[in-house]
Amino acid sequence: QVQLVESGGGLVQTGGSLRLSCAASGGTFRDYILSWFRQAPGKEREFVVSIRWIDGFTYYQDSVKGRFTISRDSAKNTLYLQMNNLKPEDTALYYCAARTRYSSSDGRRPEAYNYWGQGTQVTVSS
């Protein structure tokens, strides 16, 4: 059973940086795509970025391109999200999620994912 545990959230001022981590266990992650989603109060869960574990192929939501960087450490089975130049609209609960890379589902939709972490809060003050 795949387990995902996020950490690294916090309170930061506009323009600041944070690095989120997602410790993954219980799976052969070369067969997975791992993603970050976020959910602000009163809003739907939103796709942020994904990475295909086996080759590092990435896909970013337009609003975070150039500011956020996803990466993974295969030796540690850990996913990262480096967030720079943070804006108040980035404030949300950030989730790590995993799905098999063999799925034909739209990876930008939460329904495509089988496994989720508990989330880590990111708050950006103006």
Protein backbone atom coordinates (compact mmCIF):
# COMPACT_ATOMS: atom_id res chain seq x y z
CA GLN A 1 0.00 0.00 0.00
CA VAL A 2 1.42 3.34 -1.09
CA GLN A 3 1.76 5.92 1.66
CA LEU A 4 2.55 9.59 1.14
CA VAL A 5 3.54 12.02 3.88
CA GLU A 6 3.97 15.73 3.13
CA SER A 7 5.98 18.24 5.11
CA GLY A 8 7.55 21.66 4.73
CA GLY A 9 4.55 23.96 4.69
CA GLY A 10 4.43 27.19 6.64
CA LEU A 11 3.82 30.91 6.66
CA VAL A 12 5.86 33.06 4.30
CA GLN A 13 5.68 36.62 2.99
CA THR A 14 4.94 37.50 -0.62
CA GLY A 15 8.02 36.86 -2.71
CA GLY A 16 9.37 34.28 -0.31
CA SER A 17 10.21 30.62 -0.85
CA LEU A 18 9.30 27.25 0.62
CA ARG A 19 10.27 23.69 -0.20
CA LEU A 20 7.69 20.97 0.30
CA SER A 21 8.62 17.32 0.68
CA CYS A 22 6.59 14.16 0.18
CA ALA A 23 8.02 10.95 1.61
CA ALA A 24 6.71 7.99 -0.37
CA SER A 25 6.66 4.35 0.68
CA GLY A 26 5.01 1.04 -0.11
CA GLY A 27 5.35 1.05 -3.88
CA THR A 28 7.63 0.61 -6.86
CA PHE A 29 7.69 4.25 -7.81
CA ARG A 30 9.24 3.78 -11.23
CA ASP A 31 5.71 2.72 -12.22
CA TYR A 32 4.09 5.90 -10.91
CA ILE A 33 3.42 9.52 -11.69
CA LEU A 34 3.53 11.74 -8.65
CA SER A 35 1.86 15.11 -8.50
CA TRP A 36 1.21 18.10 -6.30
CA PHE A 37 -2.30 19.45 -5.95
CA ARG A 38 -3.55 22.31 -3.82
CA GLN A 39 -6.87 23.33 -2.36
CA ALA A 40 -7.76 26.77 -1.07
CA PRO A 41 -10.74 27.29 1.26
CA GLY A 42 -13.99 27.16 -0.66
CA LYS A 43 -12.32 26.07 -3.88
CA GLU A 44 -11.87 22.80 -5.72
CA ARG A 45 -8.67 20.83 -5.51
CA GLU A 46 -6.36 22.12 -8.23
CA PHE A 47 -3.55 20.43 -10.16
CA VAL A 48 -0.15 22.11 -9.73
CA VAL A 49 2.55 19.92 -11.26
CA SER A 50 3.42 16.27 -11.94
CA ILE A 51 6.53 14.20 -12.51
CA ARG A 52 6.91 10.79 -14.09
CA TRP A 53 9.17 8.96 -11.71
CA ILE A 54 10.93 6.72 -14.20
CA ASP A 55 12.32 9.47 -16.43
CA GLY A 56 11.62 12.75 -14.65
CA PHE A 57 9.22 14.11 -17.29
CA THR A 58 7.34 17.05 -15.79
CA TYR A 59 4.13 18.94 -16.50
CA TYR A 60 3.29 22.28 -14.87
CA GLN A 61 0.15 24.29 -14.47
CA ASP A 62 0.64 27.61 -16.27
CA SER A 63 0.27 29.76 -13.16
CA VAL A 64 3.30 28.20 -11.47
CA LYS A 65 5.66 27.87 -14.43
CA GLY A 66 8.93 29.63 -13.75
CA ARG A 67 8.22 29.84 -10.00
CA PHE A 68 7.76 26.22 -8.87
CA THR A 69 10.06 23.27 -9.53
CA ILE A 70 9.20 19.62 -8.94
CA SER A 71 11.92 17.05 -8.40
CA ARG A 72 12.42 13.62 -6.92
CA ASP A 73 15.17 11.75 -5.12
CA SER A 74 14.89 8.11 -6.12
CA ALA A 75 17.33 6.96 -3.44
CA LYS A 76 15.17 8.51 -0.73
CA ASN A 77 11.78 7.92 -2.41
CA THR A 78 11.03 11.56 -1.79
CA LEU A 79 9.24 14.11 -3.93
CA TYR A 80 9.95 17.82 -3.63
CA LEU A 81 8.29 21.05 -4.63
CA GLN A 82 10.49 24.13 -4.57
CA MET A 83 8.27 27.20 -4.55
CA ASN A 84 9.81 30.61 -5.24
CA ASN A 85 8.35 34.07 -5.62
CA LEU A 86 5.25 33.00 -3.69
CA LYS A 87 2.05 35.00 -4.04
CA PRO A 88 -0.99 35.27 -1.76
CA GLU A 89 -2.99 33.29 -4.33
CA ASP A 90 -0.66 30.34 -3.73
CA THR A 91 -2.13 30.00 -0.22
CA ALA A 92 -3.66 26.53 0.05
CA LEU A 93 -3.39 23.08 1.53
CA TYR A 94 -0.87 21.26 -0.68
CA TYR A 95 -1.27 17.54 -1.33
CA CYS A 96 1.03 14.94 -2.77
CA ALA A 97 -0.71 12.30 -4.92
CA ALA A 98 0.29 9.19 -6.87
CA ARG A 99 -1.14 7.24 -9.78
CA THR A 100 0.15 4.49 -12.02
CA ARG A 101 1.84 5.73 -15.18
CA TYR A 102 -0.11 3.15 -17.19
CA SER A 103 -3.41 4.92 -16.56
CA SER A 104 -5.05 6.79 -19.43
CA SER A 105 -6.90 9.11 -17.08
CA ASP A 106 -6.36 12.86 -17.23
CA GLY A 107 -3.60 13.44 -14.71
CA ARG A 108 -4.78 16.98 -14.04
CA ARG A 109 -7.91 15.66 -12.37
CA PRO A 110 -7.91 14.49 -8.73
CA GLU A 111 -10.06 11.49 -9.66
CA ALA A 112 -7.13 10.03 -11.60
CA TYR A 113 -5.14 9.46 -8.41
CA ASN A 114 -5.28 6.44 -6.15
CA TYR A 115 -3.12 7.65 -3.30
CA TRP A 116 -3.02 10.90 -1.36
CA GLY A 117 -1.10 12.40 1.50
CA GLN A 118 -2.69 14.31 4.35
CA GLY A 119 -1.61 17.72 3.06
CA THR A 120 0.62 20.52 4.30
CA GLN A 121 -0.55 24.11 4.69
CA VAL A 122 1.12 26.93 2.79
CA THR A 123 0.12 30.47 3.72
CA VAL A 124 1.50 33.49 1.88
CA SER A 125 0.94 36.85 3.54
CA SER A 126 0.65 40.06 1.54
